[in-house]
PDB file of N, CA and C in Angstrom:
ATOM      1  N   UNK A   1       6.315  -1.434  62.207  1.00  0.00           N
ATOM      2  CA  UNK A   1       6.774   0.003  61.370  1.00  0.00           C
ATOM      3  C   UNK A   1       7.666  -0.216  60.367  1.00  0.00           C
ATOM      4  N   UNK A   2       7.385   0.841  59.197  1.00  0.00           N
ATOM      5  CA  UNK A   2       7.758   0.872  58.162  1.00  0.00           C
ATOM      6  C   UNK A   2       8.348   2.475  57.904  1.00  0.00           C
ATOM      7  N   UNK A   3       9.522   2.220  57.529  1.00  0.00           N
ATOM      8  CA  UNK A   3      10.365   3.165  57.337  1.00  0.00           C
ATOM      9  C   UNK A   3      10.831   3.339  55.619  1.00  0.00           C
ATOM     10  N   UNK A   4      11.048   4.362  55.071  1.00  0.00           N
ATOM     11  CA  UNK A   4      11.848   4.711  53.974  1.00  0.00           C
ATOM     12  C   UNK A   4      12.596   5.361  53.890  1.00  0.00           C
ATOM     13  N   UNK A   5      13.583   5.136  52.893  1.00  0.00           N
ATOM     14  CA  UNK A   5      14.739   5.692  53.300  1.00  0.00           C
ATOM     15  C   UNK A   5      15.766   5.287  51.914  1.00  0.00           C
ATOM     16  N   UNK A   6      16.960   6.155  51.566  1.00  0.00           N
ATOM     17  CA  UNK A   6      17.982   5.789  50.674  1.00  0.00           C
ATOM     18  C   UNK A   6      18.967   5.744  51.343  1.00  0.00           C
ATOM     19  N   UNK A   7      19.028   5.447  52.652  1.00  0.00           N
ATOM     20  CA  UNK A   7      20.326   5.529  52.987  1.00  0.00           C
ATOM     21  C   UNK A   7      20.696   3.790  53.312  1.00  0.00           C
ATOM     22  N   UNK A   8      21.200   3.526  52.384  1.00  0.00           N
ATOM     23  CA  UNK A   8      21.042   2.097  52.559  1.00  0.00           C
ATOM     24  C   UNK A   8      22.191   1.765  54.076  1.00  0.00           C
ATOM     25  N   UNK A   9      22.821   2.064  54.220  1.00  0.00           N
ATOM     26  CA  UNK A   9      23.934   1.830  55.912  1.00  0.00           C
ATOM     27  C   UNK A   9      22.877   1.677  56.789  1.00  0.00           C
ATOM     28  N   UNK A  10      22.067   2.733  56.869  1.00  0.00           N
ATOM     29  CA  UNK A  10      20.976   2.716  57.795  1.00  0.00           C
ATOM     30  C   UNK A  10      19.945   1.986  57.668  1.00  0.00           C
ATOM     31  N   UNK A  11      19.672   1.485  56.094  1.00  0.00           N
ATOM     32  CA  UNK A  11      18.548  -0.217  55.793  1.00  0.00           C
ATOM     33  C   UNK A  11      18.959  -1.043  56.565  1.00  0.00           C
ATOM     34  N   UNK A  12      20.280  -1.397  55.906  1.00  0.00           N
ATOM     35  CA  UNK A  12      20.937  -2.846  56.470  1.00  0.00           C
ATOM     36  C   UNK A  12      20.786  -2.734  58.012  1.00  0.00           C
ATOM     37  N   UNK A  13      21.549  -1.558  58.652  1.00  0.00           N
ATOM     38  CA  UNK A  13      21.575  -1.883  60.136  1.00  0.00           C
ATOM     39  C   UNK A  13      20.358  -2.078  61.019  1.00  0.00           C
ATOM     40  N   UNK A  14      19.209  -1.041  60.440  1.00  0.00           N
ATOM     41  CA  UNK A  14      18.151  -1.321  61.685  1.00  0.00           C
ATOM     42  C   UNK A  14      16.815  -2.392  60.724  1.00  0.00           C
ATOM     43  N   UNK A  15      16.990  -3.026  59.927  1.00  0.00           N
ATOM     44  CA  UNK A  15      15.645  -3.352  59.085  1.00  0.00           C
ATOM     45  C   UNK A  15      15.656  -5.412  59.471  1.00  0.00           C
ATOM     46  N   UNK A  16      14.535  -5.077  59.525  1.00  0.00           N
ATOM     47  CA  UNK A  16      14.717  -7.015  59.432  1.00  0.00           C
ATOM     48  C   UNK A  16      14.494  -7.212  58.259  1.00  0.00           C
ATOM     49  N   UNK A  17      13.296  -6.266  57.033  1.00  0.00           N
ATOM     50  CA  UNK A  17      12.952  -6.870  55.977  1.00  0.00           C
ATOM     51  C   UNK A  17      13.344  -5.625  55.141  1.00  0.00           C
ATOM     52  N   UNK A  18      13.605  -5.717  53.915  1.00  0.00           N
ATOM     53  CA  UNK A  18      14.002  -4.527  52.801  1.00  0.00           C
ATOM     54  C   UNK A  18      12.972  -5.021  51.587  1.00  0.00           C
ATOM     55  N   UNK A  19      12.394  -4.208  51.359  1.00  0.00           N
ATOM     56  CA  UNK A  19      11.416  -4.272  49.751  1.00  0.00           C
ATOM     57  C   UNK A  19      12.296  -3.251  49.098  1.00  0.00           C
ATOM     58  N   UNK A  20      12.515  -3.261  47.904  1.00  0.00           N
ATOM     59  CA  UNK A  20      13.397  -2.606  47.134  1.00  0.00           C
ATOM     60  C   UNK A  20      11.824  -2.431  45.669  1.00  0.00           C
ATOM     61  N   UNK A  21      11.771  -0.889  45.756  1.00  0.00           N
ATOM     62  CA  UNK A  21      10.552  -0.768  44.846  1.00  0.00           C
ATOM     63  C   UNK A  21      10.873   0.282  43.665  1.00  0.00           C
ATOM     64  N   UNK A  22      10.470  -0.124  42.326  1.00  0.00           N
ATOM     65  CA  UNK A  22      10.528   0.665  41.329  1.00  0.00           C
ATOM     66  C   UNK A  22       9.121   1.352  40.525  1.00  0.00           C
ATOM     67  N   UNK A  23       9.174   2.277  40.327  1.00  0.00           N
ATOM     68  CA  UNK A  23       7.823   2.910  39.559  1.00  0.00           C
ATOM     69  C   UNK A  23       6.821   2.396  40.336  1.00  0.00           C
ATOM     70  N   UNK A  24       6.711   2.139  41.727  1.00  0.00           N
ATOM     71  CA  UNK A  24       5.399   2.174  42.176  1.00  0.00           C
ATOM     72  C   UNK A  24       4.999   0.850  42.323  1.00  0.00           C
ATOM     73  N   UNK A  25       6.140  -0.034  42.260  1.00  0.00           N
ATOM     74  CA  UNK A  25       6.005  -1.770  42.162  1.00  0.00           C
ATOM     75  C   UNK A  25       7.056  -1.990  43.514  1.00  0.00           C
ATOM     76  N   UNK A  26       6.798  -3.420  43.594  1.00  0.00           N
ATOM     77  CA  UNK A  26       8.127  -4.304  44.469  1.00  0.00           C
ATOM     78  C   UNK A  26       8.288  -4.821  43.529  1.00  0.00           C
ATOM     79  N   UNK A  27       9.888  -4.516  43.713  1.00  0.00           N
ATOM     80  CA  UNK A  27      11.104  -5.429  42.115  1.00  0.00           C
ATOM     81  C   UNK A  27      12.245  -6.547  43.267  1.00  0.00           C
ATOM     82  N   UNK A  28      11.821  -6.349  44.545  1.00  0.00           N
ATOM     83  CA  UNK A  28      12.108  -7.621  45.454  1.00  0.00           C
ATOM     84  C   UNK A  28      12.118  -7.193  46.843  1.00  0.00           C
ATOM     85  N   UNK A  29      12.309  -8.477  47.096  1.00  0.00           N
ATOM     86  CA  UNK A  29      12.111  -8.533  49.113  1.00  0.00           C
ATOM     87  C   UNK A  29      13.228  -9.113  49.511  1.00  0.00           C
ATOM     88  N   UNK A  30      13.359  -9.071  50.838  1.00  0.00           N
ATOM     89  CA  UNK A  30      14.002 -10.202  51.698  1.00  0.00           C
ATOM     90  C   UNK A  30      14.582  -8.939  52.869  1.00  0.00           C
ATOM     91  N   UNK A  31      15.558 -10.199  53.120  1.00  0.00           N
ATOM     92  CA  UNK A  31      16.350  -9.406  54.404  1.00  0.00           C
ATOM     93  C   UNK A  31      17.219  -8.613  53.874  1.00  0.00           C
ATOM     94  N   UNK A  32      18.015  -8.143  54.703  1.00  0.00           N
ATOM     95  CA  UNK A  32      18.918  -6.940  54.000  1.00  0.00           C
ATOM     96  C   UNK A  32      19.868  -7.320  53.119  1.00  0.00           C
ATOM     97  N   UNK A  33      20.535  -8.605  54.012  1.00  0.00           N
ATOM     98  CA  UNK A  33      21.665  -9.374  53.532  1.00  0.00           C
ATOM     99  C   UNK A  33      21.335 -10.088  51.722  1.00  0.00           C
ATOM    100  N   UNK A  34      19.802 -10.592  51.726  1.00  0.00           N
ATOM    101  CA  UNK A  34      19.501 -10.912  50.409  1.00  0.00           C
ATOM    102  C   UNK A  34      19.230  -9.599  49.249  1.00  0.00           C
ATOM    103  N   UNK A  35      18.561  -8.897  49.859  1.00  0.00           N
ATOM    104  CA  UNK A  35      18.545  -7.436  48.979  1.00  0.00           C
ATOM    105  C   UNK A  35      19.340  -6.505  48.650  1.00  0.00           C
ATOM    106  N   UNK A  36      20.147  -6.438  49.609  1.00  0.00           N
ATOM    107  CA  UNK A  36      21.511  -5.337  49.140  1.00  0.00           C
ATOM    108  C   UNK A  36      22.435  -5.683  48.966  1.00  0.00           C
ATOM    109  N   UNK A  37      23.074  -6.751  50.100  1.00  0.00           N
ATOM    110  CA  UNK A  37      24.347  -7.339  49.885  1.00  0.00           C
ATOM    111  C   UNK A  37      24.082  -8.462  48.401  1.00  0.00           C
ATOM    112  N   UNK A  38      23.268  -9.164  47.777  1.00  0.00           N
ATOM    113  CA  UNK A  38      23.150 -10.157  46.899  1.00  0.00           C
ATOM    114  C   UNK A  38      22.118 -10.247  46.332  1.00  0.00           C
ATOM    115  N   UNK A  39      21.541  -8.645  45.502  1.00  0.00           N
ATOM    116  CA  UNK A  39      20.290  -8.780  44.589  1.00  0.00           C
ATOM    117  C   UNK A  39      20.456 -10.011  43.533  1.00  0.00           C
ATOM    118  N   UNK A  40      19.080 -10.364  43.553  1.00  0.00           N
ATOM    119  CA  UNK A  40      19.258 -11.071  42.246  1.00  0.00           C
ATOM    120  C   UNK A  40      18.051 -10.368  41.191  1.00  0.00           C
ATOM    121  N   UNK A  41      17.484  -9.359  40.928  1.00  0.00           N
ATOM    122  CA  UNK A  41      16.894  -8.697  39.709  1.00  0.00           C
ATOM    123  C   UNK A  41      18.026  -7.739  39.488  1.00  0.00           C
ATOM    124  N   UNK A  42      18.317  -7.434  38.547  1.00  0.00           N
ATOM    125  CA  UNK A  42      18.572  -6.759  37.302  1.00  0.00           C
ATOM    126  C   UNK A  42      18.765  -5.333  37.555  1.00  0.00           C
ATOM    127  N   UNK A  43      17.017  -4.831  38.137  1.00  0.00           N
ATOM    128  CA  UNK A  43      17.274  -3.301  38.327  1.00  0.00           C
ATOM    129  C   UNK A  43      17.717  -2.871  39.947  1.00  0.00           C
ATOM    130  N   UNK A  44      17.291  -4.179  40.865  1.00  0.00           N
ATOM    131  CA  UNK A  44      17.932  -3.718  41.735  1.00  0.00           C
ATOM    132  C   UNK A  44      19.430  -3.691  42.058  1.00  0.00           C
ATOM    133  N   UNK A  45      20.395  -4.718  41.366  1.00  0.00           N
ATOM    134  CA  UNK A  45      21.465  -4.627  41.000  1.00  0.00           C
ATOM    135  C   UNK A  45      21.888  -3.474  40.633  1.00  0.00           C
ATOM    136  N   UNK A  46      21.386  -3.260  39.504  1.00  0.00           N
ATOM    137  CA  UNK A  46      21.716  -1.574  39.178  1.00  0.00           C
ATOM    138  C   UNK A  46      22.019  -0.265  39.924  1.00  0.00           C
ATOM    139  N   UNK A  47      21.135  -0.388  40.564  1.00  0.00           N
ATOM    140  CA  UNK A  47      20.585   0.576  41.872  1.00  0.00           C
ATOM    141  C   UNK A  47      21.764   0.448  43.024  1.00  0.00           C
ATOM    142  N   UNK A  48      22.010  -0.639  43.508  1.00  0.00           N
ATOM    143  CA  UNK A  48      22.996  -0.774  44.178  1.00  0.00           C
ATOM    144  C   UNK A  48      24.775  -0.776  43.538  1.00  0.00           C
ATOM    145  N   UNK A  49      24.484  -1.085  42.380  1.00  0.00           N
ATOM    146  CA  UNK A  49      26.156  -0.575  41.737  1.00  0.00           C
ATOM    147  C   UNK A  49      26.448   0.726  41.778  1.00  0.00           C
ATOM    148  N   UNK A  50      25.606   1.425  42.003  1.00  0.00           N
ATOM    149  CA  UNK A  50      25.506   3.291  41.869  1.00  0.00           C
ATOM    150  C   UNK A  50      25.012   3.484  40.659  1.00  0.00           C
TER     151      UNK A  50
END
């Protein structure tokens, strides 16, 4: 199942894999821990910092 959400807590809780997209392109993908808690891409980092 694919779920699109901007609710980060929800995504962290229920997902097996997180894909972060910007302007229709995949910027970063991995587990919730990898993408949300420790993003590697600068765009992803800016998004999760607020």
